[in-house]
PDB file of N, CA and C in Angstrom:
ATOM      1  N   MET A   1       9.759  -4.884  12.655  1.00  0.00           N
ATOM      2  CA  MET A   1       8.757  -4.158  12.740  1.00  0.00           C
ATOM      3  C   MET A   1       8.114  -3.416  13.981  1.00  0.00           C
ATOM      4  N   SER A   2       9.368  -2.579  14.526  1.00  0.00           N
ATOM      5  CA  SER A   2       9.490  -2.239  15.822  1.00  0.00           C
ATOM      6  C   SER A   2       8.615  -0.776  15.680  1.00  0.00           C
ATOM      7  N   GLY A   3       8.208  -0.121  14.175  1.00  0.00           N
ATOM      8  CA  GLY A   3       7.814   0.754  14.179  1.00  0.00           C
ATOM      9  C   GLY A   3       8.540   2.411  14.033  1.00  0.00           C
ATOM     10  N   ASP A   4      10.158   1.892  14.237  1.00  0.00           N
ATOM     11  CA  ASP A   4      10.674   3.151  13.573  1.00  0.00           C
ATOM     12  C   ASP A   4      10.912   3.020  12.253  1.00  0.00           C
ATOM     13  N   LEU A   5      11.466   4.269  11.666  1.00  0.00           N
ATOM     14  CA  LEU A   5      11.457   4.371  10.296  1.00  0.00           C
ATOM     15  C   LEU A   5      12.456   3.941   9.734  1.00  0.00           C
ATOM     16  N   SER A   6      12.806   3.214   8.766  1.00  0.00           N
ATOM     17  CA  SER A   6      13.768   2.453   8.322  1.00  0.00           C
ATOM     18  C   SER A   6      14.484   3.861   7.153  1.00  0.00           C
ATOM     19  N   PRO A   7      15.801   3.850   7.052  1.00  0.00           N
ATOM     20  CA  PRO A   7      16.903   4.413   6.134  1.00  0.00           C
ATOM     21  C   PRO A   7      15.540   4.694   4.696  1.00  0.00           C
ATOM     22  N   GLN A   8      15.129   3.778   4.175  1.00  0.00           N
ATOM     23  CA  GLN A   8      14.253   3.743   2.956  1.00  0.00           C
ATOM     24  C   GLN A   8      12.773   4.439   3.237  1.00  0.00           C
ATOM     25  N   ALA A   9      12.148   3.967   4.181  1.00  0.00           N
ATOM     26  CA  ALA A   9      10.838   4.876   4.719  1.00  0.00           C
ATOM     27  C   ALA A   9      11.536   6.497   4.861  1.00  0.00           C
ATOM     28  N   THR A  10      12.748   7.022   5.504  1.00  0.00           N
ATOM     29  CA  THR A  10      12.776   7.934   5.405  1.00  0.00           C
ATOM     30  C   THR A  10      13.091   9.054   4.392  1.00  0.00           C
ATOM     31  N   LYS A  11      13.305   7.981   3.066  1.00  0.00           N
ATOM     32  CA  LYS A  11      14.084   8.614   2.011  1.00  0.00           C
ATOM     33  C   LYS A  11      12.400   8.514   1.285  1.00  0.00           C
ATOM     34  N   ALA A  12      11.519   8.077   1.664  1.00  0.00           N
ATOM     35  CA  ALA A  12      10.044   8.070   1.102  1.00  0.00           C
ATOM     36  C   ALA A  12       9.359   8.788   1.333  1.00  0.00           C
ATOM     37  N   GLN A  13       9.656   9.430   2.705  1.00  0.00           N
ATOM     38  CA  GLN A  13       8.727  11.029   3.379  1.00  0.00           C
ATOM     39  C   GLN A  13       9.439  11.734   2.630  1.00  0.00           C
ATOM     40  N   ALA A  14      10.715  12.024   2.321  1.00  0.00           N
ATOM     41  CA  ALA A  14      11.389  13.141   2.024  1.00  0.00           C
ATOM     42  C   ALA A  14      11.198  13.140   0.238  1.00  0.00           C
ATOM     43  N   PHE A  15      10.964  12.155  -0.269  1.00  0.00           N
ATOM     44  CA  PHE A  15      10.268  12.513  -1.626  1.00  0.00           C
ATOM     45  C   PHE A  15       9.075  12.490  -1.787  1.00  0.00           C
ATOM     46  N   ALA A  16       8.188  12.102  -0.765  1.00  0.00           N
ATOM     47  CA  ALA A  16       6.618  12.476  -0.374  1.00  0.00           C
ATOM     48  C   ALA A  16       6.607  13.997  -0.434  1.00  0.00           C
ATOM     49  N   GLU A  17       7.316  14.408   0.441  1.00  0.00           N
ATOM     50  CA  GLU A  17       7.425  15.932   0.631  1.00  0.00           C
ATOM     51  C   GLU A  17       7.956  16.848  -0.231  1.00  0.00           C
ATOM     52  N   MET A  18       8.690  16.504  -1.490  1.00  0.00           N
ATOM     53  CA  MET A  18       9.307  17.054  -2.284  1.00  0.00           C
ATOM     54  C   MET A  18       8.141  17.133  -3.486  1.00  0.00           C
ATOM     55  N   LEU A  19       7.635  16.267  -3.736  1.00  0.00           N
ATOM     56  CA  LEU A  19       6.029  16.181  -4.517  1.00  0.00           C
ATOM     57  C   LEU A  19       5.098  17.025  -4.307  1.00  0.00           C
ATOM     58  N   ARG A  20       4.973  16.769  -2.918  1.00  0.00           N
ATOM     59  CA  ARG A  20       4.041  17.620  -2.025  1.00  0.00           C
ATOM     60  C   ARG A  20       4.261  19.256  -2.571  1.00  0.00           C
ATOM     61  N   GLU A  21       5.442  19.431  -2.570  1.00  0.00           N
ATOM     62  CA  GLU A  21       5.968  20.881  -2.893  1.00  0.00           C
ATOM     63  C   GLU A  21       5.873  21.189  -4.054  1.00  0.00           C
ATOM     64  N   GLU A  22       6.611  20.464  -4.834  1.00  0.00           N
ATOM     65  CA  GLU A  22       6.444  20.717  -6.463  1.00  0.00           C
ATOM     66  C   GLU A  22       5.154  20.767  -7.421  1.00  0.00           C
ATOM     67  N   THR A  23       4.407  19.825  -6.676  1.00  0.00           N
ATOM     68  CA  THR A  23       3.290  19.872  -7.399  1.00  0.00           C
ATOM     69  C   THR A  23       1.827  20.519  -6.980  1.00  0.00           C
ATOM     70  N   GLY A  24       2.115  20.637  -5.891  1.00  0.00           N
ATOM     71  CA  GLY A  24       0.923  21.153  -4.919  1.00  0.00           C
ATOM     72  C   GLY A  24      -0.172  20.132  -4.543  1.00  0.00           C
ATOM     73  N   LEU A  25       0.005  18.763  -5.203  1.00  0.00           N
ATOM     74  CA  LEU A  25      -1.099  17.715  -4.828  1.00  0.00           C
ATOM     75  C   LEU A  25      -0.807  17.089  -3.743  1.00  0.00           C
ATOM     76  N   PRO A  26      -1.662  16.327  -3.352  1.00  0.00           N
ATOM     77  CA  PRO A  26      -1.529  15.866  -1.979  1.00  0.00           C
ATOM     78  C   PRO A  26      -0.755  14.111  -2.380  1.00  0.00           C
ATOM     79  N   VAL A  27      -0.170  13.765  -1.801  1.00  0.00           N
ATOM     80  CA  VAL A  27       0.364  12.715  -1.526  1.00  0.00           C
ATOM     81  C   VAL A  27       0.617  11.924  -0.449  1.00  0.00           C
ATOM     82  N   HIS A  28      -0.054  10.229  -0.634  1.00  0.00           N
ATOM     83  CA  HIS A  28      -0.029   9.780   0.142  1.00  0.00           C
ATOM     84  C   HIS A  28       0.536   8.363   0.690  1.00  0.00           C
ATOM     85  N   LEU A  29       1.607   8.367   1.656  1.00  0.00           N
ATOM     86  CA  LEU A  29       1.911   7.057   1.957  1.00  0.00           C
ATOM     87  C   LEU A  29       1.622   5.963   2.504  1.00  0.00           C
ATOM     88  N   TRP A  30       1.969   4.718   1.833  1.00  0.00           N
ATOM     89  CA  TRP A  30       1.131   3.464   2.773  1.00  0.00           C
ATOM     90  C   TRP A  30       2.069   2.403   3.130  1.00  0.00           C
ATOM     91  N   ASP A  31       1.900   1.836   4.121  1.00  0.00           N
ATOM     92  CA  ASP A  31       2.636   0.938   4.574  1.00  0.00           C
ATOM     93  C   ASP A  31       2.591  -0.757   3.774  1.00  0.00           C
ATOM     94  N   GLU A  32       3.446  -0.736   2.986  1.00  0.00           N
ATOM     95  CA  GLU A  32       3.537  -1.974   2.256  1.00  0.00           C
ATOM     96  C   GLU A  32       4.369  -3.136   2.861  1.00  0.00           C
ATOM     97  N   ARG A  33       4.500  -2.828   3.802  1.00  0.00           N
ATOM     98  CA  ARG A  33       5.325  -4.449   4.436  1.00  0.00           C
ATOM     99  C   ARG A  33       4.316  -5.278   4.599  1.00  0.00           C
ATOM    100  N   LEU A  34       4.568  -6.599   4.238  1.00  0.00           N
ATOM    101  CA  LEU A  34       4.141  -7.501   3.998  1.00  0.00           C
ATOM    102  C   LEU A  34       3.106  -8.027   3.285  1.00  0.00           C
ATOM    103  N   THR A  35       2.876  -7.203   2.483  1.00  0.00           N
ATOM    104  CA  THR A  35       2.166  -7.019   0.992  1.00  0.00           C
ATOM    105  C   THR A  35       2.501  -8.315   0.152  1.00  0.00           C
ATOM    106  N   THR A  36       4.299  -8.741   0.279  1.00  0.00           N
ATOM    107  CA  THR A  36       4.162  -9.782  -0.731  1.00  0.00           C
ATOM    108  C   THR A  36       3.649 -11.140   0.098  1.00  0.00           C
ATOM    109  N   THR A  37       4.051 -11.038   1.206  1.00  0.00           N
ATOM    110  CA  THR A  37       3.345 -12.354   1.911  1.00  0.00           C
ATOM    111  C   THR A  37       2.070 -12.463   1.745  1.00  0.00           C
ATOM    112  N   GLU A  38       1.204 -11.601   1.845  1.00  0.00           N
ATOM    113  CA  GLU A  38      -0.105 -11.260   1.302  1.00  0.00           C
ATOM    114  C   GLU A  38      -0.452 -12.143  -0.167  1.00  0.00           C
ATOM    115  N   ALA A  39       0.245 -11.112  -0.665  1.00  0.00           N
ATOM    116  CA  ALA A  39       0.273 -11.607  -2.184  1.00  0.00           C
ATOM    117  C   ALA A  39       0.134 -13.345  -2.319  1.00  0.00           C
ATOM    118  N   HIS A  40       1.450 -13.570  -1.788  1.00  0.00           N
ATOM    119  CA  HIS A  40       1.231 -15.150  -2.288  1.00  0.00           C
ATOM    120  C   HIS A  40       0.766 -16.087  -1.646  1.00  0.00           C
ATOM    121  N   ARG A  41       0.025 -15.564  -0.476  1.00  0.00           N
ATOM    122  CA  ARG A  41      -1.203 -16.195   0.365  1.00  0.00           C
ATOM    123  C   ARG A  41      -2.454 -15.924  -0.793  1.00  0.00           C
ATOM    124  N   HIS A  42      -2.552 -15.100  -1.030  1.00  0.00           N
ATOM    125  CA  HIS A  42      -3.754 -14.757  -2.360  1.00  0.00           C
ATOM    126  C   HIS A  42      -3.744 -15.861  -3.465  1.00  0.00           C
ATOM    127  N   LEU A  43      -2.394 -15.794  -3.974  1.00  0.00           N
ATOM    128  CA  LEU A  43      -1.892 -16.439  -5.335  1.00  0.00           C
ATOM    129  C   LEU A  43      -2.111 -17.906  -4.856  1.00  0.00           C
ATOM    130  N   HIS A  44      -1.660 -18.395  -3.722  1.00  0.00           N
ATOM    131  CA  HIS A  44      -1.952 -19.553  -3.310  1.00  0.00           C
ATOM    132  C   HIS A  44      -3.306 -20.308  -3.219  1.00  0.00           C
ATOM    133  N   ALA A  45      -3.917 -19.653  -2.619  1.00  0.00           N
ATOM    134  CA  ALA A  45      -5.686 -19.814  -2.211  1.00  0.00           C
ATOM    135  C   ALA A  45      -6.306 -19.566  -3.794  1.00  0.00           C
ATOM    136  N   SER A  46      -5.866 -19.247  -4.788  1.00  0.00           N
ATOM    137  CA  SER A  46      -6.562 -18.816  -5.782  1.00  0.00           C
ATOM    138  C   SER A  46      -5.666 -19.978  -6.802  1.00  0.00           C
ATOM    139  N   GLY A  47      -5.210 -21.168  -6.153  1.00  0.00           N
ATOM    140  CA  GLY A  47      -4.850 -22.108  -6.780  1.00  0.00           C
ATOM    141  C   GLY A  47      -3.495 -21.500  -8.162  1.00  0.00           C
ATOM    142  N   VAL A  48      -2.569 -21.070  -8.012  1.00  0.00           N
ATOM    143  CA  VAL A  48      -1.530 -20.324  -9.148  1.00  0.00           C
ATOM    144  C   VAL A  48      -0.271 -21.387  -8.164  1.00  0.00           C
ATOM    145  N   ALA A  49      -0.116 -21.855  -9.288  1.00  0.00           N
ATOM    146  CA  ALA A  49       1.206 -22.670  -8.727  1.00  0.00           C
ATOM    147  C   ALA A  49       2.403 -21.909  -8.258  1.00  0.00           C
ATOM    148  N   GLY A  50       3.000 -22.635  -7.272  1.00  0.00           N
ATOM    149  CA  GLY A  50       4.018 -21.809  -6.543  1.00  0.00           C
ATOM    150  C   GLY A  50       5.086 -21.116  -7.745  1.00  0.00           C
ATOM    151  N   SER A  51       5.111 -21.711  -8.462  1.00  0.00           N
ATOM    152  CA  SER A  51       6.027 -21.605  -9.673  1.00  0.00           C
ATOM    153  C   SER A  51       5.699 -20.391 -10.774  1.00  0.00           C
ATOM    154  N   GLN A  52       4.909 -19.785 -10.469  1.00  0.00           N
ATOM    155  CA  GLN A  52       4.408 -19.266 -11.400  1.00  0.00           C
ATOM    156  C   GLN A  52       4.250 -17.569 -10.373  1.00  0.00           C
ATOM    157  N   HIS A  53       3.946 -17.865  -9.075  1.00  0.00           N
ATOM    158  CA  HIS A  53       4.431 -16.651  -8.088  1.00  0.00           C
ATOM    159  C   HIS A  53       5.254 -15.596  -8.461  1.00  0.00           C
ATOM    160  N   LYS A  54       5.883 -15.848  -8.792  1.00  0.00           N
ATOM    161  CA  LYS A  54       7.352 -14.903  -8.929  1.00  0.00           C
ATOM    162  C   LYS A  54       6.844 -13.941 -10.164  1.00  0.00           C
ATOM    163  N   LYS A  55       6.653 -14.366 -11.181  1.00  0.00           N
ATOM    164  CA  LYS A  55       5.960 -13.418 -12.608  1.00  0.00           C
ATOM    165  C   LYS A  55       4.782 -12.429 -12.350  1.00  0.00           C
ATOM    166  N   VAL A  56       4.147 -12.612 -11.127  1.00  0.00           N
ATOM    167  CA  VAL A  56       2.954 -11.868 -10.854  1.00  0.00           C
ATOM    168  C   VAL A  56       2.962 -11.078  -9.467  1.00  0.00           C
ATOM    169  N   VAL A  57       3.989 -11.719  -8.370  1.00  0.00           N
ATOM    170  CA  VAL A  57       3.433 -11.413  -7.255  1.00  0.00           C
ATOM    171  C   VAL A  57       3.580  -9.945  -6.716  1.00  0.00           C
ATOM    172  N   ASP A  58       4.104  -9.163  -7.832  1.00  0.00           N
ATOM    173  CA  ASP A  58       4.499  -7.538  -7.138  1.00  0.00           C
ATOM    174  C   ASP A  58       3.496  -7.001  -7.623  1.00  0.00           C
ATOM    175  N   GLN A  59       2.715  -7.348  -8.973  1.00  0.00           N
ATOM    176  CA  GLN A  59       1.425  -6.825  -9.695  1.00  0.00           C
ATOM    177  C   GLN A  59       0.306  -7.158  -8.266  1.00  0.00           C
ATOM    178  N   VAL A  60      -0.075  -8.265  -7.687  1.00  0.00           N
ATOM    179  CA  VAL A  60      -0.921  -8.680  -6.814  1.00  0.00           C
ATOM    180  C   VAL A  60      -0.776  -7.875  -5.804  1.00  0.00           C
ATOM    181  N   ALA A  61       0.660  -7.946  -4.837  1.00  0.00           N
ATOM    182  CA  ALA A  61       0.558  -6.813  -4.046  1.00  0.00           C
ATOM    183  C   ALA A  61       0.581  -5.179  -4.188  1.00  0.00           C
ATOM    184  N   ALA A  62       0.998  -4.719  -5.111  1.00  0.00           N
ATOM    185  CA  ALA A  62       0.116  -3.552  -5.861  1.00  0.00           C
ATOM    186  C   ALA A  62      -1.507  -3.669  -6.010  1.00  0.00           C
ATOM    187  N   VAL A  63      -1.996  -4.400  -5.941  1.00  0.00           N
ATOM    188  CA  VAL A  63      -3.375  -4.519  -6.040  1.00  0.00           C
ATOM    189  C   VAL A  63      -4.182  -4.588  -4.810  1.00  0.00           C
ATOM    190  N   LEU A  64      -3.490  -5.340  -3.982  1.00  0.00           N
ATOM    191  CA  LEU A  64      -3.380  -4.921  -2.451  1.00  0.00           C
ATOM    192  C   LEU A  64      -3.516  -3.583  -1.647  1.00  0.00           C
ATOM    193  N   ILE A  65      -2.353  -3.499  -2.358  1.00  0.00           N
ATOM    194  CA  ILE A  65      -2.072  -1.921  -1.451  1.00  0.00           C
ATOM    195  C   ILE A  65      -2.859  -0.985  -2.233  1.00  0.00           C
ATOM    196  N   LEU A  66      -3.132  -1.083  -3.152  1.00  0.00           N
ATOM    197  CA  LEU A  66      -4.288   0.169  -3.681  1.00  0.00           C
ATOM    198  C   LEU A  66      -5.715  -0.247  -3.138  1.00  0.00           C
ATOM    199  N   GLN A  67      -6.307  -1.450  -3.085  1.00  0.00           N
ATOM    200  CA  GLN A  67      -7.711  -1.480  -2.215  1.00  0.00           C
ATOM    201  C   GLN A  67      -7.442  -1.362  -1.009  1.00  0.00           C
ATOM    202  N   ALA A  68      -6.648  -1.784  -0.414  1.00  0.00           N
ATOM    203  CA  ALA A  68      -6.469  -1.308   1.110  1.00  0.00           C
ATOM    204  C   ALA A  68      -6.684   0.341   1.338  1.00  0.00           C
ATOM    205  N   PHE A  69      -5.659   0.858   0.424  1.00  0.00           N
ATOM    206  CA  PHE A  69      -5.840   2.640   0.588  1.00  0.00           C
ATOM    207  C   PHE A  69      -7.286   2.888   0.050  1.00  0.00           C
ATOM    208  N   LEU A  70      -7.772   2.804  -1.103  1.00  0.00           N
ATOM    209  CA  LEU A  70      -9.098   3.285  -0.935  1.00  0.00           C
ATOM    210  C   LEU A  70     -10.296   2.286  -0.404  1.00  0.00           C
ATOM    211  N   ASP A  71      -9.861   1.215   0.355  1.00  0.00           N
ATOM    212  CA  ASP A  71     -10.856   0.833   1.407  1.00  0.00           C
ATOM    213  C   ASP A  71     -11.162   1.822   2.770  1.00  0.00           C
ATOM    214  N   ALA A  72     -10.012   2.423   3.018  1.00  0.00           N
ATOM    215  CA  ALA A  72      -9.310   3.426   4.245  1.00  0.00           C
ATOM    216  C   ALA A  72     -10.101   4.595   3.881  1.00  0.00           C
ATOM    217  N   ARG A  73      -9.638   5.192   2.893  1.00  0.00           N
ATOM    218  CA  ARG A  73     -10.528   6.271   2.204  1.00  0.00           C
ATOM    219  C   ARG A  73     -11.605   6.426   2.082  1.00  0.00           C
ATOM    220  N   ALA A  74     -12.374   4.995   1.393  1.00  0.00           N
ATOM    221  CA  ALA A  74     -14.118   5.233   1.753  1.00  0.00           C
ATOM    222  C   ALA A  74     -14.698   5.253   3.225  1.00  0.00           C
ATOM    223  N   ILE A  75     -13.828   4.230   4.432  1.00  0.00           N
ATOM    224  CA  ILE A  75     -14.544   4.582   5.210  1.00  0.00           C
ATOM    225  C   ILE A  75     -14.122   5.658   5.783  1.00  0.00           C
ATOM    226  N   ARG A  76     -13.382   6.323   5.777  1.00  0.00           N
ATOM    227  CA  ARG A  76     -13.100   7.842   6.426  1.00  0.00           C
ATOM    228  C   ARG A  76     -14.040   8.896   5.517  1.00  0.00           C
ATOM    229  N   ALA A  77     -14.206   8.651   4.355  1.00  0.00           N
ATOM    230  CA  ALA A  77     -15.454   9.651   4.189  1.00  0.00           C
ATOM    231  C   ALA A  77     -16.549   8.739   4.628  1.00  0.00           C
ATOM    232  N   GLU A  78     -16.863   7.469   4.777  1.00  0.00           N
ATOM    233  CA  GLU A  78     -18.144   7.273   5.801  1.00  0.00           C
ATOM    234  C   GLU A  78     -18.534   7.968   6.598  1.00  0.00           C
ATOM    235  N   GLN A  79     -17.436   7.966   7.756  1.00  0.00           N
ATOM    236  CA  GLN A  79     -16.994   8.264   9.078  1.00  0.00           C
ATOM    237  C   GLN A  79     -17.204   9.864   9.115  1.00  0.00           C
ATOM    238  N   HIS A  80     -16.722  10.264   8.133  1.00  0.00           N
ATOM    239  CA  HIS A  80     -16.941  12.113   8.013  1.00  0.00           C
ATOM    240  C   HIS A  80     -18.142  12.295   7.551  1.00  0.00           C
ATOM    241  N   ASN A  81     -19.077  11.883   6.826  1.00  0.00           N
ATOM    242  CA  ASN A  81     -20.612  11.868   6.420  1.00  0.00           C
ATOM    243  C   ASN A  81     -21.601  11.704   7.305  1.00  0.00           C
ATOM    244  N   GLU A  82     -20.689  10.728   8.403  1.00  0.00           N
ATOM    245  CA  GLU A  82     -21.950  10.507   9.546  1.00  0.00           C
ATOM    246  C   GLU A  82     -21.984  11.077  10.532  1.00  0.00           C
ATOM    247  N   ALA A  83     -20.665  11.701  10.660  1.00  0.00           N
ATOM    248  CA  ALA A  83     -20.401  12.794  11.862  1.00  0.00           C
ATOM    249  C   ALA A  83     -20.806  14.410  11.950  1.00  0.00           C
ATOM    250  N   SER A  84     -21.133  14.683  10.213  1.00  0.00           N
ATOM    251  CA  SER A  84     -21.602  15.426   9.517  1.00  0.00           C
ATOM    252  C   SER A  84     -22.982  16.166   9.926  1.00  0.00           C
TER     253      SER A  84
END
């Protein structure tokens, strides 16, 4: 996690730019590193057996990514409103 873009991240950025150009819609990229680890922690803390993690860990990670994005967006909106 040096901060350098991986080949996959570079591809994701190119794809996001193509989507922006083709649709005219905003496209937000979000760093998903370590979300699978965090999802396993949440599952463990919730009492889900380790043998069951594989079935739902990607879903939990997706929820964590979306929630982090929504939280950050809400904070930015709040800061913008306070500055106005």
